Amino acid sequence: MEERQLIEKAQAGDKKALNELVKKYEQTIYNFAFKICRDKNFAEQIMQETFYSMIKSLHQFDHNSKLSTWLYRIVSNHCIMLARKLKSRSFVSIDDDENLFEEKYTADWNSIPYKDAENEELKTILDNAIQKLSPEYRIVFLLRDVEGLSTEETSQITELSIPAVKSRLHRARAYLRKEINEAFIR
C-alpha cells in the first residue's frame, strides 16, 4: 500500500494502518533520537513520545511534506525539550565565532575517513565532539551530514530559515573540525 493511502487510513482511525506506520518508522526514529541524545534510555523515551505525538496529531498532517520530515520535526522538538530539562548535561555553545576559524584548525576533510568509521580513534573523537554540541546545532548537523537531508528539508524539520540552517551547519562543522584537529595535536 502506498504511504499516502496508509496515512489517510490511519487518519480515518484504521489501527492496522497506524501500526504499519509505526513499524515502518520506529527504527528511523530511534536511530535519529539516539544520535541526538547519545543515550539508549533517552532515545527510547523520545521514540515513545514521538509516536504518541504522531498518534495524537496525525489528523493535522496535511501531506505538504513527507511523513518522515514531519516525524523528524517531532523528534527534534522532543530532544530539544529533553535537553532543556537536563540542564546538568553540558553542551558547548558555539554562538561565538572566536577560535573556530583560525588558520591552525583548518583541515582537509577529504583526508579524514569519518564516513567509513574505519579509524576507531577518530570515530570516538568525532562522537565525543558531536555529543558536546548543543542540541540545536547537533540536530542540524545530523540531519544534513548524517541523514543526508537537503538544506530545505532540514529547514522544514527545524522550522528555521535556510540561512539559519546554513549558519548552524557551518558553525557545527567548524567546531567539529577544531575538536578533531585539537585531538590530533595533543
N, C-alpha and C. Protein backbone atom coordinates (compact mmCIF):
# COMPACT_ATOMS: atom_id res chain seq x y z
N MET A 1 0.85 -1.18 0.00
CA MET A 1 0.00 0.00 0.00
C MET A 1 0.89 1.24 0.00
N GLU A 2 0.52 2.22 -0.78
CA GLU A 2 1.27 3.47 -0.85
C GLU A 2 1.17 4.21 0.48
N GLU A 3 2.24 4.93 0.83
CA GLU A 3 2.29 5.59 2.14
C GLU A 3 1.14 6.58 2.32
N ARG A 4 0.82 7.33 1.28
CA ARG A 4 -0.26 8.31 1.39
C ARG A 4 -1.58 7.63 1.78
N GLN A 5 -1.87 6.48 1.16
CA GLN A 5 -3.09 5.74 1.48
C GLN A 5 -3.05 5.23 2.92
N LEU A 6 -1.87 4.77 3.32
CA LEU A 6 -1.68 4.28 4.68
C LEU A 6 -1.95 5.40 5.69
N ILE A 7 -1.44 6.57 5.40
CA ILE A 7 -1.64 7.73 6.28
C ILE A 7 -3.12 8.10 6.35
N GLU A 8 -3.76 8.14 5.19
CA GLU A 8 -5.17 8.51 5.16
C GLU A 8 -6.03 7.50 5.93
N LYS A 9 -5.69 6.22 5.80
CA LYS A 9 -6.42 5.21 6.57
C LYS A 9 -6.18 5.40 8.07
N ALA A 10 -4.94 5.66 8.44
CA ALA A 10 -4.62 5.89 9.85
C ALA A 10 -5.34 7.13 10.37
N GLN A 11 -5.41 8.17 9.56
CA GLN A 11 -6.13 9.38 9.95
C GLN A 11 -7.62 9.11 10.14
N ALA A 12 -8.13 8.14 9.39
CA ALA A 12 -9.55 7.78 9.50
C ALA A 12 -9.81 6.82 10.66
N GLY A 13 -8.74 6.43 11.39
CA GLY A 13 -8.92 5.60 12.57
C GLY A 13 -8.55 4.14 12.38
N ASP A 14 -7.99 3.78 11.25
CA ASP A 14 -7.58 2.39 10.99
C ASP A 14 -6.33 2.08 11.81
N LYS A 15 -6.51 1.26 12.86
CA LYS A 15 -5.40 0.94 13.77
C LYS A 15 -4.33 0.09 13.10
N LYS A 16 -4.73 -0.73 12.15
CA LYS A 16 -3.77 -1.56 11.43
C LYS A 16 -2.83 -0.68 10.59
N ALA A 17 -3.39 0.32 9.94
CA ALA A 17 -2.58 1.26 9.14
C ALA A 17 -1.65 2.05 10.05
N LEU A 18 -2.16 2.47 11.19
CA LEU A 18 -1.33 3.21 12.16
C LEU A 18 -0.18 2.34 12.64
N ASN A 19 -0.48 1.08 12.92
CA ASN A 19 0.54 0.14 13.37
C ASN A 19 1.62 -0.03 12.29
N GLU A 20 1.22 -0.10 11.04
CA GLU A 20 2.18 -0.22 9.94
C GLU A 20 3.09 1.01 9.86
N LEU A 21 2.52 2.19 10.06
CA LEU A 21 3.33 3.41 10.04
C LEU A 21 4.35 3.40 11.17
N VAL A 22 3.91 2.99 12.34
CA VAL A 22 4.83 2.91 13.48
C VAL A 22 5.95 1.93 13.18
N LYS A 23 5.60 0.76 12.68
CA LYS A 23 6.62 -0.24 12.35
C LYS A 23 7.59 0.28 11.29
N LYS A 24 7.05 0.98 10.32
CA LYS A 24 7.87 1.49 9.22
C LYS A 24 8.91 2.50 9.71
N TYR A 25 8.54 3.32 10.70
CA TYR A 25 9.41 4.41 11.12
C TYR A 25 10.09 4.22 12.47
N GLU A 26 9.81 3.14 13.18
CA GLU A 26 10.35 3.02 14.53
C GLU A 26 11.87 2.99 14.56
N GLN A 27 12.51 2.30 13.65
CA GLN A 27 13.97 2.24 13.66
C GLN A 27 14.58 3.58 13.28
N THR A 28 14.00 4.24 12.30
CA THR A 28 14.48 5.56 11.87
C THR A 28 14.38 6.56 13.01
N ILE A 29 13.25 6.56 13.69
CA ILE A 29 13.02 7.50 14.79
C ILE A 29 13.97 7.20 15.95
N TYR A 30 14.11 5.93 16.30
CA TYR A 30 15.02 5.57 17.39
C TYR A 30 16.45 5.98 17.05
N ASN A 31 16.90 5.63 15.84
CA ASN A 31 18.27 5.95 15.44
C ASN A 31 18.54 7.45 15.49
N PHE A 32 17.61 8.23 14.99
CA PHE A 32 17.80 9.68 14.98
C PHE A 32 17.80 10.22 16.41
N ALA A 33 16.88 9.76 17.24
CA ALA A 33 16.83 10.20 18.64
C ALA A 33 18.12 9.82 19.36
N PHE A 34 18.64 8.63 19.10
CA PHE A 34 19.88 8.20 19.74
C PHE A 34 21.06 9.07 19.29
N LYS A 35 21.10 9.42 18.01
CA LYS A 35 22.19 10.26 17.52
C LYS A 35 22.19 11.62 18.21
N ILE A 36 21.03 12.12 18.53
CA ILE A 36 20.94 13.42 19.20
C ILE A 36 21.20 13.28 20.69
N CYS A 37 20.53 12.34 21.34
CA CYS A 37 20.60 12.21 22.80
C CYS A 37 21.84 11.47 23.28
N ARG A 38 22.34 10.55 22.48
CA ARG A 38 23.51 9.73 22.83
C ARG A 38 23.25 8.89 24.08
N ASP A 39 22.02 8.49 24.26
CA ASP A 39 21.66 7.69 25.42
C ASP A 39 20.50 6.79 25.03
N LYS A 40 20.67 5.48 25.25
CA LYS A 40 19.66 4.50 24.85
C LYS A 40 18.31 4.77 25.50
N ASN A 41 18.31 5.02 26.80
CA ASN A 41 17.05 5.25 27.51
C ASN A 41 16.34 6.50 27.04
N PHE A 42 17.11 7.58 26.84
CA PHE A 42 16.51 8.82 26.34
C PHE A 42 15.96 8.62 24.93
N ALA A 43 16.70 7.87 24.11
CA ALA A 43 16.26 7.63 22.73
C ALA A 43 14.95 6.84 22.72
N GLU A 44 14.84 5.86 23.59
CA GLU A 44 13.60 5.09 23.69
C GLU A 44 12.45 5.97 24.16
N GLN A 45 12.75 6.82 25.15
CA GLN A 45 11.73 7.75 25.66
C GLN A 45 11.27 8.69 24.55
N ILE A 46 12.22 9.25 23.81
CA ILE A 46 11.90 10.17 22.71
C ILE A 46 11.09 9.45 21.64
N MET A 47 11.47 8.21 21.34
CA MET A 47 10.73 7.44 20.33
C MET A 47 9.27 7.26 20.76
N GLN A 48 9.06 6.90 22.02
CA GLN A 48 7.70 6.73 22.52
C GLN A 48 6.92 8.05 22.47
N GLU A 49 7.56 9.12 22.90
CA GLU A 49 6.90 10.42 22.88
C GLU A 49 6.58 10.86 21.46
N THR A 50 7.48 10.54 20.53
CA THR A 50 7.27 10.91 19.13
C THR A 50 6.05 10.18 18.57
N PHE A 51 5.96 8.89 18.82
CA PHE A 51 4.82 8.14 18.31
C PHE A 51 3.52 8.53 19.01
N TYR A 52 3.61 8.86 20.28
CA TYR A 52 2.43 9.37 20.98
C TYR A 52 1.97 10.68 20.33
N SER A 53 2.92 11.56 20.06
CA SER A 53 2.59 12.83 19.40
C SER A 53 2.04 12.58 18.00
N MET A 54 2.63 11.62 17.29
CA MET A 54 2.14 11.31 15.94
C MET A 54 0.69 10.84 15.99
N ILE A 55 0.41 9.92 16.90
CA ILE A 55 -0.94 9.38 17.01
C ILE A 55 -1.93 10.48 17.38
N LYS A 56 -1.52 11.32 18.31
CA LYS A 56 -2.39 12.40 18.79
C LYS A 56 -2.63 13.46 17.70
N SER A 57 -1.64 13.68 16.84
CA SER A 57 -1.72 14.80 15.89
C SER A 57 -1.79 14.38 14.43
N LEU A 58 -1.90 13.11 14.15
CA LEU A 58 -1.88 12.66 12.76
C LEU A 58 -2.99 13.30 11.93
N HIS A 59 -4.10 13.60 12.56
CA HIS A 59 -5.19 14.24 11.82
C HIS A 59 -4.79 15.62 11.28
N GLN A 60 -3.74 16.22 11.86
CA GLN A 60 -3.27 17.52 11.40
C GLN A 60 -2.26 17.42 10.25
N PHE A 61 -1.75 16.23 10.00
CA PHE A 61 -0.77 16.05 8.92
C PHE A 61 -1.47 16.31 7.60
N ASP A 62 -0.92 17.25 6.80
CA ASP A 62 -1.61 17.70 5.59
C ASP A 62 -0.95 17.27 4.28
N HIS A 63 0.04 16.42 4.34
CA HIS A 63 0.73 15.89 3.15
C HIS A 63 1.52 16.96 2.39
N ASN A 64 1.75 18.13 2.99
CA ASN A 64 2.57 19.15 2.33
C ASN A 64 4.05 18.81 2.39
N SER A 65 4.41 17.90 3.26
CA SER A 65 5.78 17.40 3.35
C SER A 65 5.70 15.89 3.47
N LYS A 66 6.86 15.26 3.44
CA LYS A 66 6.88 13.81 3.64
C LYS A 66 6.59 13.52 5.11
N LEU A 67 6.03 12.37 5.39
CA LEU A 67 5.76 11.99 6.78
C LEU A 67 7.07 11.93 7.56
N SER A 68 8.12 11.46 6.93
CA SER A 68 9.41 11.37 7.63
C SER A 68 9.89 12.76 8.05
N THR A 69 9.68 13.76 7.21
CA THR A 69 10.07 15.13 7.55
C THR A 69 9.29 15.60 8.77
N TRP A 70 8.00 15.32 8.79
CA TRP A 70 7.14 15.69 9.91
C TRP A 70 7.60 14.99 11.19
N LEU A 71 7.95 13.70 11.07
CA LEU A 71 8.41 12.94 12.24
C LEU A 71 9.77 13.42 12.74
N TYR A 72 10.68 13.75 11.82
CA TYR A 72 11.97 14.32 12.23
C TYR A 72 11.75 15.59 13.04
N ARG A 73 10.79 16.41 12.64
CA ARG A 73 10.50 17.64 13.38
C ARG A 73 10.02 17.32 14.79
N ILE A 74 9.15 16.33 14.91
CA ILE A 74 8.64 15.94 16.22
C ILE A 74 9.79 15.44 17.10
N VAL A 75 10.65 14.57 16.54
CA VAL A 75 11.79 14.06 17.30
C VAL A 75 12.68 15.21 17.74
N SER A 76 12.98 16.11 16.81
CA SER A 76 13.84 17.26 17.13
C SER A 76 13.27 18.08 18.27
N ASN A 77 11.98 18.35 18.20
CA ASN A 77 11.35 19.14 19.27
C ASN A 77 11.41 18.43 20.61
N HIS A 78 11.15 17.13 20.62
CA HIS A 78 11.21 16.37 21.88
C HIS A 78 12.64 16.34 22.43
N CYS A 79 13.62 16.20 21.55
CA CYS A 79 15.01 16.17 22.00
C CYS A 79 15.43 17.51 22.59
N ILE A 80 15.01 18.59 21.95
CA ILE A 80 15.33 19.93 22.47
C ILE A 80 14.66 20.15 23.82
N MET A 81 13.41 19.72 23.95
CA MET A 81 12.72 19.86 25.24
C MET A 81 13.42 19.04 26.32
N LEU A 82 13.86 17.83 25.98
CA LEU A 82 14.57 17.00 26.94
C LEU A 82 15.89 17.65 27.35
N ALA A 83 16.60 18.19 26.38
CA ALA A 83 17.89 18.84 26.68
C ALA A 83 17.69 20.04 27.62
N ARG A 84 16.61 20.75 27.43
CA ARG A 84 16.33 21.90 28.32
C ARG A 84 16.03 21.43 29.74
N LYS A 85 15.38 20.26 29.85
CA LYS A 85 15.10 19.71 31.17
C LYS A 85 16.38 19.25 31.86
N LEU A 86 17.31 18.76 31.06
CA LEU A 86 18.55 18.19 31.60
C LEU A 86 19.68 19.21 31.55
N LYS A 87 19.47 20.31 32.18
CA LYS A 87 20.49 21.37 32.13
C LYS A 87 21.82 20.93 32.74
N SER A 88 21.80 19.83 33.48
CA SER A 88 23.03 19.36 34.10
C SER A 88 24.00 18.79 33.06
N ARG A 89 23.48 18.35 31.92
CA ARG A 89 24.37 17.87 30.86
C ARG A 89 25.00 19.08 30.19
N SER A 90 26.28 19.02 29.97
CA SER A 90 26.94 20.19 29.41
C SER A 90 26.98 20.12 27.89
N PHE A 91 26.67 21.24 27.28
CA PHE A 91 26.74 21.38 25.85
C PHE A 91 27.63 22.57 25.55
N VAL A 92 28.29 22.51 24.43
CA VAL A 92 29.17 23.60 24.02
C VAL A 92 28.34 24.65 23.31
N SER A 93 28.55 25.89 23.65
CA SER A 93 27.92 26.97 22.93
C SER A 93 28.88 27.42 21.85
N ILE A 94 28.42 27.41 20.62
CA ILE A 94 29.30 27.85 19.55
C ILE A 94 28.72 29.08 18.84
N ASP A 95 27.95 29.86 19.59
CA ASP A 95 27.42 31.09 19.03
C ASP A 95 28.53 32.12 18.83
N ASP A 96 29.59 32.00 19.60
CA ASP A 96 30.71 32.91 19.48
C ASP A 96 31.72 32.30 18.51
N ASP A 97 32.03 33.02 17.45
CA ASP A 97 32.94 32.51 16.42
C ASP A 97 34.39 32.45 16.88
N GLU A 98 34.69 32.98 18.03
CA GLU A 98 36.06 33.05 18.49
C GLU A 98 36.76 31.70 18.44
N ASN A 99 37.90 31.66 17.82
CA ASN A 99 38.78 30.48 17.72
C ASN A 99 38.24 29.35 16.85
N LEU A 100 37.08 29.47 16.25
CA LEU A 100 36.58 28.38 15.43
C LEU A 100 37.22 28.37 14.04
N PHE A 101 37.59 29.52 13.56
CA PHE A 101 38.02 29.61 12.18
C PHE A 101 39.48 30.01 12.03
N GLU A 102 40.25 29.82 13.07
CA GLU A 102 41.66 30.15 12.98
C GLU A 102 42.36 29.24 12.00
N GLU A 103 43.39 29.74 11.38
CA GLU A 103 44.14 29.00 10.36
C GLU A 103 44.63 27.65 10.86
N LYS A 104 45.11 27.60 12.09
CA LYS A 104 45.69 26.35 12.59
C LYS A 104 44.68 25.22 12.72
N TYR A 105 43.36 25.54 12.66
CA TYR A 105 42.35 24.50 12.79
C TYR A 105 41.79 24.05 11.44
N THR A 106 42.31 24.57 10.36
CA THR A 106 41.80 24.19 9.06
C THR A 106 42.30 22.81 8.69
N ALA A 107 41.38 21.94 8.33
CA ALA A 107 41.73 20.56 7.97
C ALA A 107 41.19 20.24 6.59
N ASP A 108 41.83 19.31 5.94
CA ASP A 108 41.36 18.81 4.66
C ASP A 108 40.41 17.66 4.96
N TRP A 109 39.08 17.91 4.81
CA TRP A 109 38.08 16.90 5.13
C TRP A 109 38.19 15.68 4.25
N ASN A 110 38.79 15.82 3.07
CA ASN A 110 38.94 14.66 2.17
C ASN A 110 39.90 13.62 2.75
N SER A 111 40.79 14.05 3.62
CA SER A 111 41.75 13.11 4.16
C SER A 111 41.30 12.51 5.49
N ILE A 112 40.11 12.87 5.96
CA ILE A 112 39.61 12.34 7.23
C ILE A 112 38.52 11.31 6.93
N PRO A 113 38.76 10.06 7.26
CA PRO A 113 37.82 8.99 6.88
C PRO A 113 36.66 8.82 7.85
N TYR A 114 36.01 9.92 8.26
CA TYR A 114 34.94 9.79 9.25
C TYR A 114 33.72 9.07 8.70
N LYS A 115 33.48 9.13 7.38
CA LYS A 115 32.30 8.48 6.83
C LYS A 115 32.40 6.97 6.92
N ASP A 116 33.55 6.44 6.74
CA ASP A 116 33.71 4.98 6.76
C ASP A 116 33.90 4.45 8.17
N ALA A 117 34.19 5.31 9.10
CA ALA A 117 34.40 4.93 10.51
C ALA A 117 35.44 3.82 10.64
N GLU A 118 36.42 3.83 9.75
CA GLU A 118 37.47 2.83 9.81
C GLU A 118 38.45 3.12 10.94
N ASN A 119 38.60 4.36 11.23
CA ASN A 119 39.54 4.75 12.26
C ASN A 119 38.79 4.91 13.57
N GLU A 120 38.92 3.95 14.46
CA GLU A 120 38.15 3.95 15.72
C GLU A 120 38.47 5.16 16.59
N GLU A 121 39.71 5.57 16.62
CA GLU A 121 40.09 6.73 17.42
C GLU A 121 39.38 7.98 16.91
N LEU A 122 39.39 8.17 15.61
CA LEU A 122 38.72 9.31 15.01
C LEU A 122 37.22 9.25 15.26
N LYS A 123 36.66 8.06 15.14
CA LYS A 123 35.23 7.89 15.39
C LYS A 123 34.88 8.29 16.83
N THR A 124 35.70 7.87 17.76
CA THR A 124 35.47 8.22 19.17
C THR A 124 35.58 9.72 19.38
N ILE A 125 36.59 10.33 18.79
CA ILE A 125 36.79 11.78 18.91
C ILE A 125 35.60 12.51 18.31
N LEU A 126 35.18 12.10 17.12
CA LEU A 126 34.05 12.74 16.46
C LEU A 126 32.77 12.56 17.26
N ASP A 127 32.52 11.35 17.75
CA ASP A 127 31.32 11.10 18.57
C ASP A 127 31.30 11.99 19.81
N ASN A 128 32.45 12.10 20.46
CA ASN A 128 32.54 12.95 21.66
C ASN A 128 32.30 14.41 21.31
N ALA A 129 32.85 14.85 20.20
CA ALA A 129 32.67 16.25 19.79
C ALA A 129 31.21 16.52 19.43
N ILE A 130 30.58 15.60 18.72
CA ILE A 130 29.17 15.76 18.37
C ILE A 130 28.32 15.81 19.63
N GLN A 131 28.66 15.00 20.60
CA GLN A 131 27.91 14.97 21.85
C GLN A 131 28.01 16.31 22.58
N LYS A 132 29.11 17.02 22.43
CA LYS A 132 29.29 18.31 23.09
C LYS A 132 28.48 19.43 22.45
N LEU A 133 28.09 19.26 21.19
CA LEU A 133 27.30 20.29 20.51
C LEU A 133 25.96 20.48 21.22
N SER A 134 25.48 21.69 21.27
CA SER A 134 24.14 21.90 21.83
C SER A 134 23.13 21.23 20.89
N PRO A 135 21.99 20.81 21.39
CA PRO A 135 21.02 20.10 20.56
C PRO A 135 20.62 20.86 19.29
N GLU A 136 20.55 22.18 19.36
CA GLU A 136 20.15 22.97 18.20
C GLU A 136 21.14 22.81 17.05
N TYR A 137 22.43 22.74 17.37
CA TYR A 137 23.45 22.56 16.34
C TYR A 137 23.56 21.08 15.96
N ARG A 138 23.45 20.21 16.94
CA ARG A 138 23.58 18.77 16.69
C ARG A 138 22.49 18.30 15.74
N ILE A 139 21.27 18.76 15.94
CA ILE A 139 20.16 18.34 15.09
C ILE A 139 20.41 18.74 13.64
N VAL A 140 20.82 19.98 13.42
CA VAL A 140 21.09 20.44 12.06
C VAL A 140 22.22 19.63 11.43
N PHE A 141 23.31 19.42 12.19
CA PHE A 141 24.43 18.64 11.68
C PHE A 141 24.00 17.22 11.32
N LEU A 142 23.26 16.58 12.20
CA LEU A 142 22.85 15.20 11.96
C LEU A 142 21.88 15.08 10.78
N LEU A 143 20.94 16.01 10.68
CA LEU A 143 20.00 15.95 9.56
C LEU A 143 20.72 16.13 8.23
N ARG A 144 21.63 17.09 8.15
CA ARG A 144 22.31 17.38 6.88
C ARG A 144 23.43 16.38 6.59
N ASP A 145 24.34 16.19 7.52
CA ASP A 145 25.55 15.44 7.22
C ASP A 145 25.47 13.95 7.55
N VAL A 146 24.58 13.56 8.41
CA VAL A 146 24.46 12.14 8.74
C VAL A 146 23.26 11.52 8.02
N GLU A 147 22.11 12.17 8.14
CA GLU A 147 20.90 11.65 7.48
C GLU A 147 20.88 11.98 6.00
N GLY A 148 21.65 12.99 5.58
CA GLY A 148 21.75 13.34 4.16
C GLY A 148 20.57 14.12 3.61
N LEU A 149 19.84 14.79 4.49
CA LEU A 149 18.70 15.59 4.01
C LEU A 149 19.19 16.89 3.40
N SER A 150 18.38 17.49 2.56
CA SER A 150 18.74 18.76 1.93
C SER A 150 18.59 19.90 2.94
N THR A 151 19.14 21.04 2.57
CA THR A 151 19.02 22.23 3.41
C THR A 151 17.55 22.60 3.56
N GLU A 152 16.80 22.47 2.48
CA GLU A 152 15.37 22.82 2.51
C GLU A 152 14.60 21.89 3.44
N GLU A 153 14.89 20.59 3.37
CA GLU A 153 14.21 19.63 4.26
C GLU A 153 14.59 19.89 5.71
N THR A 154 15.87 20.19 5.94
CA THR A 154 16.32 20.49 7.30
C THR A 154 15.63 21.75 7.81
N SER A 155 15.47 22.72 6.93
CA SER A 155 14.78 23.96 7.29
C SER A 155 13.33 23.67 7.70
N GLN A 156 12.67 22.82 6.94
CA GLN A 156 11.29 22.45 7.27
C GLN A 156 11.21 21.75 8.61
N ILE A 157 12.10 20.79 8.82
CA ILE A 157 12.06 19.99 10.05
C ILE A 157 12.32 20.85 11.27
N THR A 158 13.33 21.70 11.19
CA THR A 158 13.72 22.50 12.35
C THR A 158 12.95 23.80 12.47
N GLU A 159 12.16 24.11 11.44
CA GLU A 159 11.41 25.37 11.38
C GLU A 159 12.34 26.58 11.48
N LEU A 160 13.51 26.44 10.87
CA LEU A 160 14.48 27.53 10.78
C LEU A 160 14.52 28.02 9.35
N SER A 161 14.98 29.24 9.16
CA SER A 161 15.16 29.72 7.80
C SER A 161 16.35 28.99 7.18
N ILE A 162 16.43 28.98 5.87
CA ILE A 162 17.54 28.33 5.18
C ILE A 162 18.87 28.97 5.59
N PRO A 163 18.97 30.32 5.65
CA PRO A 163 20.24 30.89 6.11
C PRO A 163 20.61 30.47 7.54
N ALA A 164 19.62 30.31 8.41
CA ALA A 164 19.90 29.87 9.79
C ALA A 164 20.42 28.44 9.80
N VAL A 165 19.85 27.58 8.96
CA VAL A 165 20.32 26.19 8.86
C VAL A 165 21.76 26.19 8.38
N LYS A 166 22.03 26.97 7.34
CA LYS A 166 23.39 27.02 6.79
C LYS A 166 24.38 27.55 7.83
N SER A 167 23.97 28.55 8.57
CA SER A 167 24.84 29.13 9.59
C SER A 167 25.14 28.12 10.70
N ARG A 168 24.10 27.45 11.18
CA ARG A 168 24.30 26.46 12.26
C ARG A 168 25.15 25.29 11.77
N LEU A 169 24.91 24.88 10.54
CA LEU A 169 25.69 23.78 9.98
C LEU A 169 27.16 24.19 9.85
N HIS A 170 27.40 25.39 9.36
CA HIS A 170 28.76 25.90 9.21
C HIS A 170 29.47 25.95 10.57
N ARG A 171 28.80 26.47 11.56
CA ARG A 171 29.39 26.57 12.90
C ARG A 171 29.63 25.19 13.51
N ALA A 172 28.69 24.28 13.32
CA ALA A 172 28.85 22.92 13.86
C ALA A 172 30.04 22.23 13.19
N ARG A 173 30.14 22.35 11.88
CA ARG A 173 31.27 21.73 11.17
C ARG A 173 32.60 22.34 11.61
N ALA A 174 32.61 23.66 11.75
CA ALA A 174 33.84 24.33 12.18
C ALA A 174 34.25 23.86 13.57
N TYR A 175 33.29 23.76 14.47
CA TYR A 175 33.58 23.29 15.82
C TYR A 175 34.12 21.86 15.79
N LEU A 176 33.50 21.01 14.99
CA LEU A 176 33.93 19.61 14.92
C LEU A 176 35.33 19.51 14.31
N ARG A 177 35.62 20.30 13.28
CA ARG A 177 36.97 20.31 12.71
C ARG A 177 37.99 20.72 13.76
N LYS A 178 37.65 21.76 14.52
CA LYS A 178 38.54 22.25 15.58
C LYS A 178 38.80 21.16 16.61
N GLU A 179 37.75 20.47 17.04
CA GLU A 179 37.89 19.40 18.03
C GLU A 179 38.75 18.24 17.50
N ILE A 180 38.53 17.87 16.26
CA ILE A 180 39.31 16.77 15.68
C ILE A 180 40.78 17.18 15.57
N ASN A 181 41.03 18.38 15.07
CA ASN A 181 42.41 18.85 14.94
C ASN A 181 43.11 18.94 16.29
N GLU A 182 42.42 19.46 17.29
CA GLU A 182 43.00 19.58 18.63
C GLU A 182 43.33 18.20 19.20
N ALA A 183 42.46 17.23 18.94
CA ALA A 183 42.69 15.89 19.46
C ALA A 183 43.96 15.28 18.86
N PHE A 184 44.24 15.59 17.62
CA PHE A 184 45.42 15.02 16.99
C PHE A 184 46.69 15.83 17.27
N ILE A 185 46.52 17.08 17.72
CA ILE A 185 47.68 17.89 18.10
C ILE A 185 48.18 17.47 19.47
N ARG A 186 47.27 17.05 20.35
CA ARG A 186 47.62 16.66 21.73
C ARG A 186 48.58 15.54 21.78
